[in-house]
Amino acid sequence: MGCAVHEVRQQPVSLLPPPGSATSSYRVAVPVPPPPPPLPQAPADLTRAITTLLANFNGTAAAAVTSIDQGWTVAYNGNRPMPQQSVSKLWVAMTALDLLDQGKLTLEDPVVVRREDLTLFHQPIASLVKGDGYQTTVRELMRRALTMSDNTANDRLLTYVGGPDAVRAFLTRRGIQNIRFGPGERLLQSKTAGVTWRQEYSLGGGFNQARSALPQSVRLAAFNAYVANPPDGAGATAIAEALMRLKQGKLLSPGSTRHMLDTMAASRTGRARLHAALPPGWTLAHKTGTGQDLMSRNAGFNDVGILTAPDGRSYAVAVLIGDTTAPMRQRQELIQQVVHALVANRR
């Protein structure tokens, strides 16, 4: 006879405690990330020195000093939009290098500068522009714009990269805030003077003659409107932060970053500003900016750059003077004194 197999049905086992019974406590340890390190504190003596210097200056001025290695910032009027003037050439060059990084242009791209591209004030390239134009390259336009502050070289580069909107798009895409970009050299300067721009003003002192022919009341109203709300206005803190990010390689590719900094280091302008205060062994990559004068007033006297000490530590410095009756020597001295304060009180 076969063996009968009797299956015993298992009762399901409940994992829940019976009603009314005490429940066991289960605790799971959730890892808690450590708190972020405290933000580095700026040297107190440097803060006091910068505040004293700018508070006692005869005019509207702003400054920011940022430690690129430690991250602290000392600023006075740091968020107030101040006229950039030719400091804004930095953003045109960076826009061009960003397009280079995207493969949309090369530094050797040929560019023709024609008479209709000429601007005003400082434009040494104008002497090279003959009847059929002057053949140059993106590289050369950038070099002239940054090292010589050539207005026409900068405006031609600006046109080549897509105009003011392209520069504004670059600033927005990179998260650079509180830095405005104006309408280009001709429209910016003519509006500041109260002049309606005509291209013939670009040659033979035509702009200066048109400006001088205006009633003083018209010039004063235009000048006051510019310094009150500059279309190229920027905060000193924002500029210092952008320079820090440039140095850290956060705005451009490594190759473009090197090219930008090397070109800024070759600047020939403003030797009595930041450069004049450099101690032995320090280096500077910078860009100056200078606005128009009306009577005894000046609308924009600036120098911004990256200062590197012999120990390798770097600092982004922006000094912007927006409206002042102080003579040029006092403006230069204010910029120099900011460097002296940094050197004496850094850490």
C-alpha atoms as a PDB file:
ATOM      1  CA  MET A   1       0.000   0.000   0.000  1.00  0.00           C
ATOM      2  CA  GLY A   2       1.190   3.357  -0.711  1.00  0.00           C
ATOM      3  CA  CYS A   3       2.006   5.820   2.013  1.00  0.00           C
ATOM      4  CA  ALA A   4      -0.465   8.602   2.486  1.00  0.00           C
ATOM      5  CA  VAL A   5       1.128  12.007   2.847  1.00  0.00           C
ATOM      6  CA  HIS A   6      -0.854  14.391   5.020  1.00  0.00           C
ATOM      7  CA  GLU A   7      -0.014  18.015   4.333  1.00  0.00           C
ATOM      8  CA  VAL A   8      -0.174  20.312   7.303  1.00  0.00           C
ATOM      9  CA  ARG A   9      -1.285  23.776   6.262  1.00  0.00           C
ATOM     10  CA  GLN A  10       0.908  26.486   7.830  1.00  0.00           C
ATOM     11  CA  GLN A  11      -0.831  29.414   9.418  1.00  0.00           C
ATOM     12  CA  PRO A  12       0.433  32.739   8.149  1.00  0.00           C
ATOM     13  CA  VAL A  13       2.710  34.468  10.562  1.00  0.00           C
ATOM     14  CA  SER A  14       1.767  38.062  11.267  1.00  0.00           C
ATOM     15  CA  LEU A  15       4.582  40.536  11.577  1.00  0.00           C
ATOM     16  CA  LEU A  16       2.274  42.998  13.243  1.00  0.00           C
ATOM     17  CA  PRO A  17       1.948  42.981  16.992  1.00  0.00           C
ATOM     18  CA  PRO A  18      -1.366  41.779  18.299  1.00  0.00           C
ATOM     19  CA  PRO A  19      -3.905  44.439  19.129  1.00  0.00           C
ATOM     20  CA  GLY A  20      -3.286  46.075  22.428  1.00  0.00           C
ATOM     21  CA  SER A  21       0.265  44.819  22.767  1.00  0.00           C
ATOM     22  CA  ALA A  22       3.189  47.140  23.255  1.00  0.00           C
ATOM     23  CA  THR A  23       5.044  47.886  20.063  1.00  0.00           C
ATOM     24  CA  SER A  24       8.766  47.735  19.736  1.00  0.00           C
ATOM     25  CA  SER A  25      10.586  50.917  18.757  1.00  0.00           C
ATOM     26  CA  TYR A  26      12.824  50.751  15.716  1.00  0.00           C
ATOM     27  CA  ARG A  27      15.182  53.652  15.132  1.00  0.00           C
ATOM     28  CA  VAL A  28      17.158  54.157  11.957  1.00  0.00           C
ATOM     29  CA  ALA A  29      20.174  56.393  12.119  1.00  0.00           C
ATOM     30  CA  VAL A  30      19.995  58.935   9.302  1.00  0.00           C
ATOM     31  CA  PRO A  31      23.389  60.390   8.496  1.00  0.00           C
ATOM     32  CA  VAL A  32      23.432  64.146   9.002  1.00  0.00           C
ATOM     33  CA  PRO A  33      25.878  66.065   6.855  1.00  0.00           C
ATOM     34  CA  PRO A  34      28.271  68.247   8.772  1.00  0.00           C
ATOM     35  CA  PRO A  35      27.443  71.941   8.799  1.00  0.00           C
ATOM     36  CA  PRO A  36      29.126  73.953   6.076  1.00  0.00           C
ATOM     37  CA  PRO A  37      32.334  75.606   7.156  1.00  0.00           C
ATOM     38  CA  PRO A  38      31.856  79.193   8.262  1.00  0.00           C
ATOM     39  CA  LEU A  39      32.416  81.793   5.599  1.00  0.00           C
ATOM     40  CA  PRO A  40      35.890  83.271   5.869  1.00  0.00           C
ATOM     41  CA  GLN A  41      35.875  86.630   7.555  1.00  0.00           C
ATOM     42  CA  ALA A  42      37.478  89.570   5.822  1.00  0.00           C
ATOM     43  CA  PRO A  43      40.348  91.210   7.684  1.00  0.00           C
ATOM     44  CA  ALA A  44      38.805  93.811   9.973  1.00  0.00           C
ATOM     45  CA  ASP A  45      41.667  96.253   9.444  1.00  0.00           C
ATOM     46  CA  LEU A  46      41.157  96.086   5.687  1.00  0.00           C
ATOM     47  CA  THR A  47      37.437  96.735   6.088  1.00  0.00           C
ATOM     48  CA  ARG A  48      38.132  99.797   8.218  1.00  0.00           C
ATOM     49  CA  ALA A  49      40.785 101.088   5.838  1.00  0.00           C
ATOM     50  CA  ILE A  50      38.616 100.755   2.723  1.00  0.00           C
ATOM     51  CA  THR A  51      35.647 102.368   4.462  1.00  0.00           C
ATOM     52  CA  THR A  52      37.732 105.301   5.671  1.00  0.00           C
ATOM     53  CA  LEU A  53      39.325 105.886   2.272  1.00  0.00           C
ATOM     54  CA  LEU A  54      36.104 105.948   0.292  1.00  0.00           C
ATOM     55  CA  ALA A  55      33.940 107.691   2.886  1.00  0.00           C
ATOM     56  CA  ASN A  56      36.376 110.604   2.929  1.00  0.00           C
ATOM     57  CA  PHE A  57      36.724 110.880  -0.847  1.00  0.00           C
ATOM     58  CA  ASN A  58      35.322 113.968  -2.559  1.00  0.00           C
ATOM     59  CA  GLY A  59      32.842 112.259  -4.850  1.00  0.00           C
ATOM     60  CA  THR A  60      30.780 109.139  -5.423  1.00  0.00           C
ATOM     61  CA  ALA A  61      33.050 106.123  -5.283  1.00  0.00           C
ATOM     62  CA  ALA A  62      32.834 102.385  -4.765  1.00  0.00           C
ATOM     63  CA  ALA A  63      35.356  99.642  -4.185  1.00  0.00           C
ATOM     64  CA  ALA A  64      35.472  95.899  -3.662  1.00  0.00           C
ATOM     65  CA  VAL A  65      38.355  93.610  -2.778  1.00  0.00           C
ATOM     66  CA  THR A  66      37.781  89.852  -2.990  1.00  0.00           C
ATOM     67  CA  SER A  67      40.197  87.147  -1.899  1.00  0.00           C
ATOM     68  CA  ILE A  68      40.150  84.662  -4.762  1.00  0.00           C
ATOM     69  CA  ASP A  69      41.677  81.947  -2.577  1.00  0.00           C
ATOM     70  CA  GLN A  70      39.687  82.457   0.626  1.00  0.00           C
ATOM     71  CA  GLY A  71      36.431  83.918  -0.684  1.00  0.00           C
ATOM     72  CA  TRP A  72      35.970  86.937   1.564  1.00  0.00           C
ATOM     73  CA  THR A  73      35.026  90.346   0.201  1.00  0.00           C
ATOM     74  CA  VAL A  74      35.471  93.853   1.539  1.00  0.00           C
ATOM     75  CA  ALA A  75      33.293  96.437  -0.179  1.00  0.00           C
ATOM     76  CA  TYR A  76      32.131 100.017   0.107  1.00  0.00           C
ATOM     77  CA  ASN A  77      29.113 101.039  -1.993  1.00  0.00           C
ATOM     78  CA  GLY A  78      29.690  97.643  -3.550  1.00  0.00           C
ATOM     79  CA  ASN A  79      26.213  97.161  -5.013  1.00  0.00           C
ATOM     80  CA  ARG A  80      25.723 100.684  -6.316  1.00  0.00           C
ATOM     81  CA  PRO A  81      25.751 100.815 -10.153  1.00  0.00           C
ATOM     82  CA  MET A  82      28.693 102.966 -11.211  1.00  0.00           C
ATOM     83  CA  PRO A  83      29.748 104.028 -14.722  1.00  0.00           C
ATOM     84  CA  GLN A  84      32.048 101.378 -16.171  1.00  0.00           C
ATOM     85  CA  GLN A  85      33.193 103.215 -19.280  1.00  0.00           C
ATOM     86  CA  SER A  86      35.982 101.117 -20.844  1.00  0.00           C
ATOM     87  CA  VAL A  87      35.866  98.518 -18.071  1.00  0.00           C
ATOM     88  CA  SER A  88      32.972  97.142 -20.129  1.00  0.00           C
ATOM     89  CA  LYS A  89      35.464  96.093 -22.814  1.00  0.00           C
ATOM     90  CA  LEU A  90      36.116  93.082 -20.576  1.00  0.00           C
ATOM     91  CA  TRP A  91      32.674  91.661 -21.286  1.00  0.00           C
ATOM     92  CA  VAL A  92      33.037  92.081 -25.048  1.00  0.00           C
ATOM     93  CA  ALA A  93      36.302  90.140 -25.004  1.00  0.00           C
ATOM     94  CA  MET A  94      34.817  87.416 -22.797  1.00  0.00           C
ATOM     95  CA  THR A  95      31.832  87.108 -25.119  1.00  0.00           C
ATOM     96  CA  ALA A  96      34.199  86.601 -28.053  1.00  0.00           C
ATOM     97  CA  LEU A  97      36.199  83.982 -26.154  1.00  0.00           C
ATOM     98  CA  ASP A  98      33.005  82.210 -25.129  1.00  0.00           C
ATOM     99  CA  LEU A  99      32.090  81.963 -28.820  1.00  0.00           C
ATOM    100  CA  LEU A 100      35.586  80.610 -29.436  1.00  0.00           C
ATOM    101  CA  ASP A 101      34.946  77.947 -26.793  1.00  0.00           C
ATOM    102  CA  GLN A 102      31.721  77.036 -28.607  1.00  0.00           C
ATOM    103  CA  GLY A 103      33.562  76.683 -31.908  1.00  0.00           C
ATOM    104  CA  LYS A 104      31.705  79.633 -33.446  1.00  0.00           C
ATOM    105  CA  LEU A 105      34.763  81.749 -34.198  1.00  0.00           C
ATOM    106  CA  THR A 106      38.555  81.656 -34.079  1.00  0.00           C
ATOM    107  CA  LEU A 107      41.031  84.286 -33.008  1.00  0.00           C
ATOM    108  CA  GLU A 108      42.353  84.327 -36.558  1.00  0.00           C
ATOM    109  CA  ASP A 109      39.000  85.126 -38.162  1.00  0.00           C
ATOM    110  CA  PRO A 110      39.542  88.007 -40.605  1.00  0.00           C
ATOM    111  CA  VAL A 111      37.671  91.224 -39.841  1.00  0.00           C
ATOM    112  CA  VAL A 112      37.610  94.415 -41.896  1.00  0.00           C
ATOM    113  CA  VAL A 113      37.379  97.770 -40.120  1.00  0.00           C
ATOM    114  CA  ARG A 114      35.817 100.390 -42.393  1.00  0.00           C
ATOM    115  CA  ARG A 115      35.234 104.108 -42.043  1.00  0.00           C
ATOM    116  CA  GLU A 116      31.652 103.496 -40.986  1.00  0.00           C
ATOM    117  CA  ASP A 117      33.014 101.524 -38.005  1.00  0.00           C
ATOM    118  CA  LEU A 118      34.996 104.443 -36.583  1.00  0.00           C
ATOM    119  CA  THR A 119      33.880 105.763 -33.210  1.00  0.00           C
ATOM    120  CA  LEU A 120      35.289 108.616 -31.118  1.00  0.00           C
ATOM    121  CA  PHE A 121      37.807 109.629 -28.490  1.00  0.00           C
ATOM    122  CA  HIS A 122      40.659 107.107 -28.212  1.00  0.00           C
ATOM    123  CA  GLN A 123      40.794 105.060 -31.421  1.00  0.00           C
ATOM    124  CA  PRO A 124      44.398 104.593 -32.614  1.00  0.00           C
ATOM    125  CA  ILE A 125      43.259 101.989 -35.141  1.00  0.00           C
ATOM    126  CA  ALA A 126      41.525 104.802 -37.059  1.00  0.00           C
ATOM    127  CA  SER A 127      44.840 105.900 -38.582  1.00  0.00           C
ATOM    128  CA  LEU A 128      45.085 102.506 -40.313  1.00  0.00           C
ATOM    129  CA  VAL A 129      41.635 102.649 -41.884  1.00  0.00           C
ATOM    130  CA  LYS A 130      41.952 103.810 -45.489  1.00  0.00           C
ATOM    131  CA  GLY A 131      39.396 103.981 -48.277  1.00  0.00           C
ATOM    132  CA  ASP A 132      39.030 100.215 -48.635  1.00  0.00           C
ATOM    133  CA  GLY A 133      39.188  99.539 -44.901  1.00  0.00           C
ATOM    134  CA  TYR A 134      41.738  97.850 -42.675  1.00  0.00           C
ATOM    135  CA  GLN A 135      42.086  94.058 -42.623  1.00  0.00           C
ATOM    136  CA  THR A 136      42.701  92.640 -39.167  1.00  0.00           C
ATOM    137  CA  THR A 137      41.682  89.673 -36.973  1.00  0.00           C
ATOM    138  CA  VAL A 138      39.594  88.930 -33.911  1.00  0.00           C
ATOM    139  CA  ARG A 139      42.815  88.425 -31.943  1.00  0.00           C
ATOM    140  CA  GLU A 140      44.156  91.837 -32.905  1.00  0.00           C
ATOM    141  CA  LEU A 141      40.891  93.642 -32.208  1.00  0.00           C
ATOM    142  CA  MET A 142      40.783  92.070 -28.751  1.00  0.00           C
ATOM    143  CA  ARG A 143      44.396  92.981 -28.058  1.00  0.00           C
ATOM    144  CA  ARG A 144      43.836  96.594 -29.065  1.00  0.00           C
ATOM    145  CA  ALA A 145      40.600  96.846 -27.079  1.00  0.00           C
ATOM    146  CA  LEU A 146      42.042  95.433 -23.863  1.00  0.00           C
ATOM    147  CA  THR A 147      45.626  96.707 -23.878  1.00  0.00           C
ATOM    148  CA  MET A 148      45.143 100.087 -25.585  1.00  0.00           C
ATOM    149  CA  SER A 149      41.444 100.670 -24.788  1.00  0.00           C
ATOM    150  CA  ASP A 150      40.848 101.370 -28.480  1.00  0.00           C
ATOM    151  CA  ASN A 151      37.174 102.284 -28.811  1.00  0.00           C
ATOM    152  CA  THR A 152      36.857 101.425 -32.493  1.00  0.00           C
ATOM    153  CA  ALA A 153      38.615  98.074 -32.084  1.00  0.00           C
ATOM    154  CA  ASN A 154      36.219  97.262 -29.267  1.00  0.00           C
ATOM    155  CA  ASP A 155      33.108  98.374 -31.148  1.00  0.00           C
ATOM    156  CA  ARG A 156      34.121  96.389 -34.230  1.00  0.00           C
ATOM    157  CA  LEU A 157      34.677  93.301 -32.083  1.00  0.00           C
ATOM    158  CA  LEU A 158      31.313  93.976 -30.441  1.00  0.00           C
ATOM    159  CA  THR A 159      29.603  94.033 -33.837  1.00  0.00           C
ATOM    160  CA  TYR A 160      31.393  90.848 -34.887  1.00  0.00           C
ATOM    161  CA  VAL A 161      30.188  88.864 -31.852  1.00  0.00           C
ATOM    162  CA  GLY A 162      26.563  89.942 -32.295  1.00  0.00           C
ATOM    163  CA  GLY A 163      26.221  93.371 -30.706  1.00  0.00           C
ATOM    164  CA  PRO A 164      25.186  94.461 -27.198  1.00  0.00           C
ATOM    165  CA  ASP A 165      22.492  91.788 -26.911  1.00  0.00           C
ATOM    166  CA  ALA A 166      25.103  89.055 -27.380  1.00  0.00           C
ATOM    167  CA  VAL A 167      27.167  90.469 -24.523  1.00  0.00           C
ATOM    168  CA  ARG A 168      24.108  90.762 -22.291  1.00  0.00           C
ATOM    169  CA  ALA A 169      23.211  87.159 -23.126  1.00  0.00           C
ATOM    170  CA  PHE A 170      26.707  86.037 -22.118  1.00  0.00           C
ATOM    171  CA  LEU A 171      26.438  87.854 -18.788  1.00  0.00           C
ATOM    172  CA  THR A 172      23.018  86.320 -18.133  1.00  0.00           C
ATOM    173  CA  ARG A 173      24.102  82.823 -19.135  1.00  0.00           C
ATOM    174  CA  ARG A 174      27.063  82.988 -16.782  1.00  0.00           C
ATOM    175  CA  GLY A 175      24.939  84.296 -13.908  1.00  0.00           C
ATOM    176  CA  ILE A 176      26.794  87.612 -13.765  1.00  0.00           C
ATOM    177  CA  GLN A 177      24.408  90.047 -12.107  1.00  0.00           C
ATOM    178  CA  ASN A 178      24.461  93.796 -11.443  1.00  0.00           C
ATOM    179  CA  ILE A 179      26.607  94.447 -14.505  1.00  0.00           C
ATOM    180  CA  ARG A 180      24.868  96.323 -17.304  1.00  0.00           C
ATOM    181  CA  PHE A 181      26.134  96.578 -20.835  1.00  0.00           C
ATOM    182  CA  GLY A 182      25.418  99.772 -22.747  1.00  0.00           C
ATOM    183  CA  PRO A 183      24.495 100.434 -26.382  1.00  0.00           C
ATOM    184  CA  GLY A 184      28.043 100.672 -27.734  1.00  0.00           C
ATOM    185  CA  GLU A 185      30.640 103.413 -27.666  1.00  0.00           C
ATOM    186  CA  ARG A 186      29.065 105.924 -30.070  1.00  0.00           C
ATOM    187  CA  LEU A 187      25.569 105.937 -28.601  1.00  0.00           C
ATOM    188  CA  LEU A 188      26.784 105.784 -24.995  1.00  0.00           C
ATOM    189  CA  GLN A 189      29.160 108.723 -25.304  1.00  0.00           C
ATOM    190  CA  SER A 190      26.920 110.878 -27.480  1.00  0.00           C
ATOM    191  CA  LYS A 191      23.961 110.480 -25.124  1.00  0.00           C
ATOM    192  CA  THR A 192      26.155 111.301 -22.123  1.00  0.00           C
ATOM    193  CA  ALA A 193      27.093 114.541 -23.877  1.00  0.00           C
ATOM    194  CA  GLY A 194      23.576 115.361 -25.094  1.00  0.00           C
ATOM    195  CA  VAL A 195      24.630 114.953 -28.743  1.00  0.00           C
ATOM    196  CA  THR A 196      22.644 113.132 -31.424  1.00  0.00           C
ATOM    197  CA  TRP A 197      25.219 110.872 -33.049  1.00  0.00           C
ATOM    198  CA  ARG A 198      26.185 111.314 -36.685  1.00  0.00           C
ATOM    199  CA  GLN A 199      28.879 109.149 -38.240  1.00  0.00           C
ATOM    200  CA  GLU A 200      30.824 112.138 -39.542  1.00  0.00           C
ATOM    201  CA  TYR A 201      31.566 113.010 -35.899  1.00  0.00           C
ATOM    202  CA  SER A 202      34.053 110.121 -35.802  1.00  0.00           C
ATOM    203  CA  LEU A 203      36.723 112.043 -37.736  1.00  0.00           C
ATOM    204  CA  GLY A 204      38.564 115.310 -37.355  1.00  0.00           C
ATOM    205  CA  GLY A 205      37.300 116.294 -33.939  1.00  0.00           C
ATOM    206  CA  GLY A 206      33.730 116.425 -35.208  1.00  0.00           C
ATOM    207  CA  PHE A 207      32.257 115.052 -32.000  1.00  0.00           C
ATOM    208  CA  ASN A 208      34.069 117.540 -29.795  1.00  0.00           C
ATOM    209  CA  GLN A 209      32.882 120.397 -32.002  1.00  0.00           C
ATOM    210  CA  ALA A 210      29.273 119.209 -31.888  1.00  0.00           C
ATOM    211  CA  ARG A 211      29.458 118.798 -28.123  1.00  0.00           C
ATOM    212  CA  SER A 212      30.973 122.249 -27.614  1.00  0.00           C
ATOM    213  CA  ALA A 213      28.211 123.841 -29.685  1.00  0.00           C
ATOM    214  CA  LEU A 214      25.486 122.651 -27.313  1.00  0.00           C
ATOM    215  CA  PRO A 215      24.022 124.920 -24.624  1.00  0.00           C
ATOM    216  CA  GLN A 216      25.581 124.183 -21.259  1.00  0.00           C
ATOM    217  CA  SER A 217      22.145 123.375 -19.848  1.00  0.00           C
ATOM    218  CA  VAL A 218      21.698 120.570 -22.392  1.00  0.00           C
ATOM    219  CA  ARG A 219      25.096 119.110 -21.629  1.00  0.00           C
ATOM    220  CA  LEU A 220      24.534 119.327 -17.887  1.00  0.00           C
ATOM    221  CA  ALA A 221      21.144 117.602 -18.073  1.00  0.00           C
ATOM    222  CA  ALA A 222      22.611 114.767 -20.144  1.00  0.00           C
ATOM    223  CA  PHE A 223      25.626 114.442 -17.853  1.00  0.00           C
ATOM    224  CA  ASN A 224      23.455 114.331 -14.729  1.00  0.00           C
ATOM    225  CA  ALA A 225      21.157 111.734 -16.278  1.00  0.00           C
ATOM    226  CA  TYR A 226      24.136 109.524 -17.081  1.00  0.00           C
ATOM    227  CA  VAL A 227      25.744 109.575 -13.641  1.00  0.00           C
ATOM    228  CA  ALA A 228      22.354 109.115 -11.940  1.00  0.00           C
ATOM    229  CA  ASN A 229      21.504 105.967 -13.900  1.00  0.00           C
ATOM    230  CA  PRO A 230      24.391 104.835 -16.104  1.00  0.00           C
ATOM    231  CA  PRO A 231      23.323 102.415 -18.849  1.00  0.00           C
ATOM    232  CA  ASP A 232      26.728 100.791 -18.458  1.00  0.00           C
ATOM    233  CA  GLY A 233      26.497 100.781 -14.665  1.00  0.00           C
ATOM    234  CA  ALA A 234      27.965  97.979 -12.576  1.00  0.00           C
ATOM    235  CA  GLY A 235      28.529  97.214  -8.920  1.00  0.00           C
ATOM    236  CA  ALA A 236      32.109  96.980  -7.716  1.00  0.00           C
ATOM    237  CA  THR A 237      31.279  93.762  -5.858  1.00  0.00           C
ATOM    238  CA  ALA A 238      29.806  92.215  -9.007  1.00  0.00           C
ATOM    239  CA  ILE A 239      32.905  93.083 -11.022  1.00  0.00           C
ATOM    240  CA  ALA A 240      35.215  91.664  -8.357  1.00  0.00           C
ATOM    241  CA  GLU A 241      33.165  88.461  -8.243  1.00  0.00           C
ATOM    242  CA  ALA A 242      33.257  88.132 -12.037  1.00  0.00           C
ATOM    243  CA  LEU A 243      37.031  88.593 -12.032  1.00  0.00           C
ATOM    244  CA  MET A 244      37.338  85.973  -9.299  1.00  0.00           C
ATOM    245  CA  ARG A 245      35.312  83.521 -11.370  1.00  0.00           C
ATOM    246  CA  LEU A 246      37.406  84.326 -14.430  1.00  0.00           C
ATOM    247  CA  LYS A 247      40.597  83.552 -12.518  1.00  0.00           C
ATOM    248  CA  GLN A 248      39.056  80.331 -11.169  1.00  0.00           C
ATOM    249  CA  GLY A 249      38.219  79.171 -14.688  1.00  0.00           C
ATOM    250  CA  LYS A 250      34.463  79.319 -14.139  1.00  0.00           C
ATOM    251  CA  LEU A 251      33.614  81.639 -17.042  1.00  0.00           C
ATOM    252  CA  LEU A 252      35.742  80.380 -19.928  1.00  0.00           C
ATOM    253  CA  SER A 253      37.713  77.323 -20.993  1.00  0.00           C
ATOM    254  CA  PRO A 254      41.267  76.966 -19.605  1.00  0.00           C
ATOM    255  CA  GLY A 255      42.809  78.173 -22.863  1.00  0.00           C
ATOM    256  CA  SER A 256      40.481  81.156 -23.172  1.00  0.00           C
ATOM    257  CA  THR A 257      40.992  82.018 -19.510  1.00  0.00           C
ATOM    258  CA  ARG A 258      44.754  82.119 -20.026  1.00  0.00           C
ATOM    259  CA  HIS A 259      44.381  84.253 -23.138  1.00  0.00           C
ATOM    260  CA  MET A 260      42.094  86.710 -21.366  1.00  0.00           C
ATOM    261  CA  LEU A 261      44.345  87.082 -18.320  1.00  0.00           C
ATOM    262  CA  ASP A 262      47.527  87.319 -20.394  1.00  0.00           C
ATOM    263  CA  THR A 263      45.997  90.059 -22.526  1.00  0.00           C
ATOM    264  CA  MET A 264      44.802  91.973 -19.462  1.00  0.00           C
ATOM    265  CA  ALA A 265      48.297  91.678 -17.988  1.00  0.00           C
ATOM    266  CA  ALA A 266      49.700  93.357 -21.106  1.00  0.00           C
ATOM    267  CA  SER A 267      47.513  96.453 -20.669  1.00  0.00           C
ATOM    268  CA  ARG A 268      49.321  99.742 -21.232  1.00  0.00           C
ATOM    269  CA  THR A 269      46.664 102.055 -19.788  1.00  0.00           C
ATOM    270  CA  GLY A 270      46.304 103.572 -16.326  1.00  0.00           C
ATOM    271  CA  ARG A 271      49.898 103.280 -15.155  1.00  0.00           C
ATOM    272  CA  ALA A 272      49.132 105.723 -12.323  1.00  0.00           C
ATOM    273  CA  ARG A 273      46.174 103.706 -11.002  1.00  0.00           C
ATOM    274  CA  LEU A 274      46.353 100.140  -9.635  1.00  0.00           C
ATOM    275  CA  HIS A 275      49.705  99.518 -11.285  1.00  0.00           C
ATOM    276  CA  ALA A 276      51.433 102.421  -9.546  1.00  0.00           C
ATOM    277  CA  ALA A 277      50.796 100.921  -6.103  1.00  0.00           C
ATOM    278  CA  LEU A 278      52.069  97.395  -6.803  1.00  0.00           C
ATOM    279  CA  PRO A 279      54.895  96.322  -4.477  1.00  0.00           C
ATOM    280  CA  PRO A 280      57.856  94.452  -5.987  1.00  0.00           C
ATOM    281  CA  GLY A 281      56.968  90.906  -6.972  1.00  0.00           C
ATOM    282  CA  TRP A 282      53.239  91.550  -7.395  1.00  0.00           C
ATOM    283  CA  THR A 283      51.559  91.180 -10.788  1.00  0.00           C
ATOM    284  CA  LEU A 284      48.437  92.762 -12.260  1.00  0.00           C
ATOM    285  CA  ALA A 285      45.944  91.875 -14.995  1.00  0.00           C
ATOM    286  CA  HIS A 286      43.510  94.771 -15.318  1.00  0.00           C
ATOM    287  CA  LYS A 287      41.260  97.096 -17.309  1.00  0.00           C
ATOM    288  CA  THR A 288      40.770 100.809 -16.856  1.00  0.00           C
ATOM    289  CA  GLY A 289      37.827 103.033 -17.698  1.00  0.00           C
ATOM    290  CA  THR A 290      37.580 106.818 -18.021  1.00  0.00           C
ATOM    291  CA  GLY A 291      34.477 108.904 -18.669  1.00  0.00           C
ATOM    292  CA  GLN A 292      33.782 112.400 -19.915  1.00  0.00           C
ATOM    293  CA  ASP A 293      34.437 115.668 -18.103  1.00  0.00           C
ATOM    294  CA  LEU A 294      32.038 118.565 -17.769  1.00  0.00           C
ATOM    295  CA  MET A 295      33.301 121.725 -16.133  1.00  0.00           C
ATOM    296  CA  SER A 296      35.079 120.389 -13.047  1.00  0.00           C
ATOM    297  CA  ARG A 297      33.215 117.065 -12.912  1.00  0.00           C
ATOM    298  CA  ASN A 298      34.226 113.647 -14.191  1.00  0.00           C
ATOM    299  CA  ALA A 299      31.826 110.779 -14.921  1.00  0.00           C
ATOM    300  CA  GLY A 300      33.799 107.599 -14.485  1.00  0.00           C
ATOM    301  CA  PHE A 301      37.393 106.981 -13.419  1.00  0.00           C
ATOM    302  CA  ASN A 302      38.067 103.311 -12.820  1.00  0.00           C
ATOM    303  CA  ASP A 303      40.509 100.464 -12.598  1.00  0.00           C
ATOM    304  CA  VAL A 304      39.615  96.822 -12.011  1.00  0.00           C
ATOM    305  CA  GLY A 305      41.855  93.802 -12.040  1.00  0.00           C
ATOM    306  CA  ILE A 306      43.422  90.732 -10.495  1.00  0.00           C
ATOM    307  CA  LEU A 307      46.416  91.328  -8.234  1.00  0.00           C
ATOM    308  CA  THR A 308      48.677  88.381  -7.429  1.00  0.00           C
ATOM    309  CA  ALA A 309      51.143  88.446  -4.536  1.00  0.00           C
ATOM    310  CA  PRO A 310      54.566  86.771  -4.546  1.00  0.00           C
ATOM    311  CA  ASP A 311      53.122  83.980  -2.364  1.00  0.00           C
ATOM    312  CA  GLY A 312      50.663  83.115  -5.149  1.00  0.00           C
ATOM    313  CA  ARG A 313      47.526  84.421  -3.477  1.00  0.00           C
ATOM    314  CA  SER A 314      45.300  86.507  -5.734  1.00  0.00           C
ATOM    315  CA  TYR A 315      42.786  89.274  -5.145  1.00  0.00           C
ATOM    316  CA  ALA A 316      40.129  90.762  -7.410  1.00  0.00           C
ATOM    317  CA  VAL A 317      39.988  94.523  -6.977  1.00  0.00           C
ATOM    318  CA  ALA A 318      37.503  97.009  -8.427  1.00  0.00           C
ATOM    319  CA  VAL A 319      37.668 100.740  -7.741  1.00  0.00           C
ATOM    320  CA  LEU A 320      35.006 102.837  -9.481  1.00  0.00           C
ATOM    321  CA  ILE A 321      34.631 106.612  -9.216  1.00  0.00           C
ATOM    322  CA  GLY A 322      31.291 107.713 -10.603  1.00  0.00           C
ATOM    323  CA  ASP A 323      30.935 111.471 -10.171  1.00  0.00           C
ATOM    324  CA  THR A 324      33.578 113.713  -8.686  1.00  0.00           C
ATOM    325  CA  THR A 325      35.160 117.134  -8.795  1.00  0.00           C
ATOM    326  CA  ALA A 326      38.404 115.761  -7.389  1.00  0.00           C
ATOM    327  CA  PRO A 327      41.370 116.433  -9.677  1.00  0.00           C
ATOM    328  CA  MET A 328      42.853 113.502 -11.551  1.00  0.00           C
ATOM    329  CA  ARG A 329      45.775 113.127  -9.154  1.00  0.00           C
ATOM    330  CA  GLN A 330      43.402 112.594  -6.218  1.00  0.00           C
ATOM    331  CA  ARG A 331      41.425 110.023  -8.204  1.00  0.00           C
ATOM    332  CA  GLN A 332      44.606 108.156  -9.017  1.00  0.00           C
ATOM    333  CA  GLU A 333      45.674 108.287  -5.382  1.00  0.00           C
ATOM    334  CA  LEU A 334      42.375 106.819  -4.176  1.00  0.00           C
ATOM    335  CA  ILE A 335      42.848 103.811  -6.456  1.00  0.00           C
ATOM    336  CA  GLN A 336      46.450 103.431  -5.317  1.00  0.00           C
ATOM    337  CA  GLN A 337      45.470 103.685  -1.649  1.00  0.00           C
ATOM    338  CA  VAL A 338      43.055 100.771  -2.011  1.00  0.00           C
ATOM    339  CA  VAL A 339      46.001  98.648  -3.160  1.00  0.00           C
ATOM    340  CA  HIS A 340      48.156  99.907  -0.291  1.00  0.00           C
ATOM    341  CA  ALA A 341      45.390  98.982   2.163  1.00  0.00           C
ATOM    342  CA  LEU A 342      45.111  95.487   0.693  1.00  0.00           C
ATOM    343  CA  VAL A 343      48.855  94.862   0.820  1.00  0.00           C
ATOM    344  CA  ALA A 344      49.116  96.102   4.406  1.00  0.00           C
ATOM    345  CA  ASN A 345      46.090  94.251   5.783  1.00  0.00           C
ATOM    346  CA  ARG A 346      45.639  91.067   3.740  1.00  0.00           C
ATOM    347  CA  ARG A 347      45.997  87.599   5.166  1.00  0.00           C
END
